[in-house]
Protein backbone atom coordinates (compact mmCIF):
# COMPACT_ATOMS: atom_id res chain seq x y z
CA MET A 1 116.31 15.65 109.86
CA ALA A 2 117.00 18.91 107.91
CA PRO A 3 114.09 20.43 105.89
CA TYR A 4 116.16 19.98 102.57
CA GLU A 5 116.79 16.24 103.45
CA ALA A 6 113.08 15.80 104.11
CA LEU A 7 112.05 17.47 100.95
CA TYR A 8 114.51 15.80 98.47
CA ASP A 9 115.36 12.68 100.37
CA ARG A 10 119.11 13.39 100.17
CA LYS A 11 121.68 15.53 102.04
CA CYS A 12 122.27 19.14 100.94
CA ARG A 13 125.69 19.60 99.28
CA THR A 14 127.46 22.97 99.17
CA PRO A 15 129.47 24.39 96.24
CA THR A 16 132.56 24.45 98.52
CA CYS A 17 132.21 20.78 99.38
CA TRP A 18 130.55 19.12 96.44
CA THR A 19 131.01 15.48 97.27
CA GLU A 20 128.85 12.32 96.60
CA LEU A 21 127.11 10.75 99.48
CA GLY A 22 129.41 8.29 101.20
CA GLU A 23 132.59 10.04 100.31
CA PRO A 24 134.74 11.46 103.08
CA GLN A 25 133.81 14.83 104.18
CA LEU A 26 136.33 17.69 104.63
CA LEU A 27 136.40 19.12 107.97
CA GLY A 28 138.27 21.87 109.92
CA LEU A 29 141.47 23.07 108.37
CA GLU A 30 141.09 20.99 105.10
CA LEU A 31 137.69 22.58 104.48
CA VAL A 32 139.10 26.05 105.01
CA SER A 33 142.14 25.41 102.69
CA GLU A 34 139.83 24.10 99.88
CA ILE A 35 137.53 27.05 100.23
CA GLU A 36 140.54 29.54 99.99
CA GLU A 37 141.80 27.77 96.89
CA LYS A 38 138.44 28.07 95.16
CA VAL A 39 138.22 31.72 96.05
CA LYS A 40 141.65 32.41 94.58
CA LEU A 41 140.67 30.55 91.53
CA ILE A 42 137.53 32.61 91.07
CA GLN A 43 139.47 35.85 91.68
CA THR A 44 142.06 34.80 89.07
CA GLN A 45 139.38 33.97 86.44
CA LEU A 46 137.51 37.29 87.10
CA LYS A 47 140.73 39.33 86.76
CA LYS A 48 141.59 37.58 83.50
CA ALA A 49 138.16 38.40 82.09
CA SER A 50 138.54 42.02 83.25
CA ASP A 51 141.92 42.46 81.69
CA LYS A 52 140.61 41.06 78.34
CA GLN A 53 137.66 43.42 78.36
CA LYS A 54 139.99 46.20 79.23
CA SER A 55 142.19 45.33 76.25
CA TYR A 56 139.27 45.57 73.87
CA THR A 57 138.20 48.93 75.37
CA ASP A 58 141.72 50.39 75.18
CA LEU A 59 141.82 49.65 71.38
CA MET A 60 138.73 51.77 70.86
CA ARG A 61 139.69 54.61 73.20
CA LYS A 62 141.15 57.78 71.81
CA ASP A 63 142.81 60.09 74.33
CA ILE A 64 142.05 63.77 73.70
CA GLU A 65 144.65 66.13 74.85
CA PHE A 66 145.04 69.95 74.59
CA ALA A 67 148.08 72.13 75.01
CA MET A 68 148.43 75.45 76.91
CA GLY A 69 147.24 78.21 74.57
CA ASP A 70 144.97 75.97 72.29
CA ARG A 71 141.47 77.26 71.66
CA VAL A 72 138.54 75.06 72.39
CA PHE A 73 134.74 75.13 72.18
CA LEU A 74 132.76 74.56 75.39
CA LYS A 75 129.65 72.24 75.34
CA VAL A 76 126.32 73.71 76.49
CA SER A 77 122.97 71.83 76.70
CA PRO A 78 119.62 73.41 75.50
CA TRP A 79 116.89 73.48 78.05
CA LYS A 80 113.20 73.72 77.12
CA LYS A 81 111.32 75.37 80.05
CA GLY A 82 108.91 72.77 81.60
CA LEU A 83 108.67 70.52 78.60
CA ARG A 84 110.23 67.21 78.24
CA PHE A 85 112.32 66.82 75.25
CA GLY A 86 110.50 66.02 72.09
CA TRP A 87 109.04 62.69 70.99
CA LYS A 88 112.02 62.20 68.61
CA GLY A 89 114.80 62.88 71.04
CA LYS A 90 116.34 65.84 72.69
CA LEU A 91 117.83 68.80 70.95
CA SER A 92 121.55 68.50 70.06
CA PRO A 93 124.12 70.22 72.34
CA ARG A 94 125.67 73.51 71.20
CA PHE A 95 129.12 74.99 71.65
CA ILE A 96 130.23 78.45 72.76
CA GLY A 97 133.58 79.98 72.39
CA PRO A 98 136.28 79.39 71.43
CA TYR A 99 138.23 79.91 74.71
CA ARG A 100 141.95 79.62 75.35
CA VAL A 101 143.25 76.79 77.50
CA LEU A 102 145.22 78.15 80.42
CA LYS A 103 146.53 74.86 81.87
CA ARG A 104 145.94 71.30 82.50
CA VAL A 105 144.42 70.36 85.75
CA GLY A 106 144.89 66.56 86.41
CA PRO A 107 144.78 63.91 83.74
CA VAL A 108 141.40 64.73 82.07
CA ALA A 109 140.53 68.38 83.07
CA TYR A 110 141.49 71.80 81.77
CA GLN A 111 141.21 75.40 83.06
CA LEU A 112 139.84 77.78 80.40
CA GLU A 113 140.09 81.58 80.01
CA LEU A 114 136.39 82.55 80.28
CA PRO A 115 134.82 85.95 79.52
CA LEU A 116 133.09 88.05 82.13
CA GLU A 117 129.69 86.91 80.93
CA LEU A 118 130.54 83.42 82.27
CA ARG A 119 132.12 84.49 85.51
CA GLN A 120 129.47 82.49 87.62
CA ILE A 121 130.71 79.21 86.04
CA HIS A 122 133.79 77.28 87.43
CA ASP A 123 136.47 77.51 84.86
CA VAL A 124 137.82 73.91 85.08
CA PHE A 125 136.15 71.45 82.73
CA HIS A 126 136.37 67.70 82.02
CA VAL A 127 137.74 66.90 78.64
CA SER A 128 134.43 65.47 77.49
CA MET A 129 133.03 69.06 77.67
CA LEU A 130 135.51 70.54 75.28
CA ARG A 131 135.90 70.36 71.44
CA ARG A 132 138.95 71.32 69.45
CA TYR A 133 138.39 74.68 67.76
CA HIS A 134 136.98 74.32 64.22
CA SER A 135 134.79 76.81 62.34
CA ASP A 136 131.41 75.19 62.34
CA PRO A 137 128.67 77.87 62.55
CA SER A 138 125.80 75.36 62.69
CA TYR A 139 126.75 74.16 66.18
CA ARG A 140 128.01 77.44 67.67
CA VAL A 141 125.97 79.99 69.58
CA LEU A 142 127.19 83.39 70.76
CA VAL A 143 127.37 83.67 74.56
CA GLU A 144 126.11 87.17 74.25
CA GLU A 145 122.80 85.93 72.83
CA ILE A 146 122.07 83.33 75.68
CA GLU A 147 122.20 83.06 79.29
CA VAL A 148 124.50 80.02 80.24
CA ARG A 149 123.70 78.71 83.76
CA PRO A 150 126.26 77.25 86.22
CA ASP A 151 125.25 73.71 85.05
CA LEU A 152 126.23 74.66 81.43
CA SER A 153 122.69 74.64 80.21
CA PHE A 154 120.74 77.60 78.48
CA LYS A 155 117.13 78.16 78.00
CA GLU A 156 115.72 77.47 74.49
CA GLU A 157 112.77 79.39 73.08
CA PRO A 158 110.36 78.11 70.37
CA VAL A 159 110.28 80.16 67.15
CA GLN A 160 107.57 78.57 64.94
CA ILE A 161 104.99 75.93 64.64
CA LEU A 162 105.93 73.92 61.52
CA ASP A 163 103.28 71.08 61.52
CA LYS A 164 100.50 69.41 63.49
CA ASP A 165 99.70 65.78 64.04
CA VAL A 166 97.74 63.49 66.32
CA LYS A 167 99.41 60.46 68.13
CA VAL A 168 97.33 57.62 69.63
CA VAL A 169 98.62 56.41 72.90
CA ARG A 170 96.71 53.65 74.61
CA ARG A 171 93.38 54.53 73.01
CA LYS A 172 93.97 58.20 73.82
CA THR A 173 94.54 60.80 71.15
CA VAL A 174 97.26 63.34 71.83
CA PRO A 175 97.54 66.42 69.63
CA LEU A 176 101.13 67.28 68.81
CA VAL A 177 102.73 70.25 67.09
CA LYS A 178 106.15 70.28 65.39
CA VAL A 179 108.20 72.99 66.91
CA LEU A 180 111.21 74.89 65.46
CA TRP A 181 113.53 76.03 68.27
CA GLN A 182 115.88 79.04 68.48
CA ASN A 183 119.62 78.27 67.46
CA HIS A 184 118.33 75.10 65.65
CA GLY A 185 117.52 74.08 62.17
CA SER A 186 114.32 72.60 60.92
CA GLU A 187 115.92 69.12 60.98
CA GLU A 188 116.05 69.36 64.67
CA ALA A 189 112.41 70.36 65.15
CA THR A 190 110.66 68.36 67.85
CA TRP A 191 107.19 67.18 68.47
CA GLU A 192 105.53 68.55 71.56
CA PRO A 193 102.07 68.24 73.15
CA GLU A 194 99.88 70.93 71.68
CA ASP A 195 98.03 71.63 75.00
CA VAL A 196 101.38 72.23 76.83
CA MET A 197 102.73 74.57 74.04
CA ARG A 198 99.45 76.54 73.95
CA GLN A 199 99.64 77.09 77.71
CA GLN A 200 103.38 78.08 77.82
CA TYR A 201 103.64 79.79 74.39
CA PRO A 202 100.24 81.07 73.35
CA HIS A 203 101.79 83.60 70.95
CA LEU A 204 102.77 80.92 68.64
CA PHE A 205 99.11 80.05 67.82
């Protein structure tokens, strides 16, 4: 007697052959044929669900394309030394440029004409890293003022301590300071642990 039958006092029935006790059992080629039919049915239903989801996604998708000669900004990400990004989220990305589009490389990548300061960076970028050129000084930084790394990040430096606070975390008090960062406005100031800031940037205190 099988363990399942001993435990539940009935024979085990599989999803591929879900029959009541006493009914004729499928054997050999009949069983294989029924399994294949059920697999095809499952595949059909999965494809139908996938196509339906894709149709919803396509309605929301907006293709971004640039022509040769267009001018675009390149997105770079601020990096704050050994600190994790602040308690209220990380700093917003900034954009350098604009740079001229030389050519399209594949369906979603473009080659840019980069200055000598960025010669260590590969000049082909995914379209998600680019923004069409518009004059927006609040999001633009001059490449001459920062050192852009090959991973398109640059080091941010704190400018000023704006405020102090104490946060209680699991019965432990954590002194915090509100930090204003270079190339960012006061609305993007982040809360950082005071002890870490004192250790890395003592000149601010």
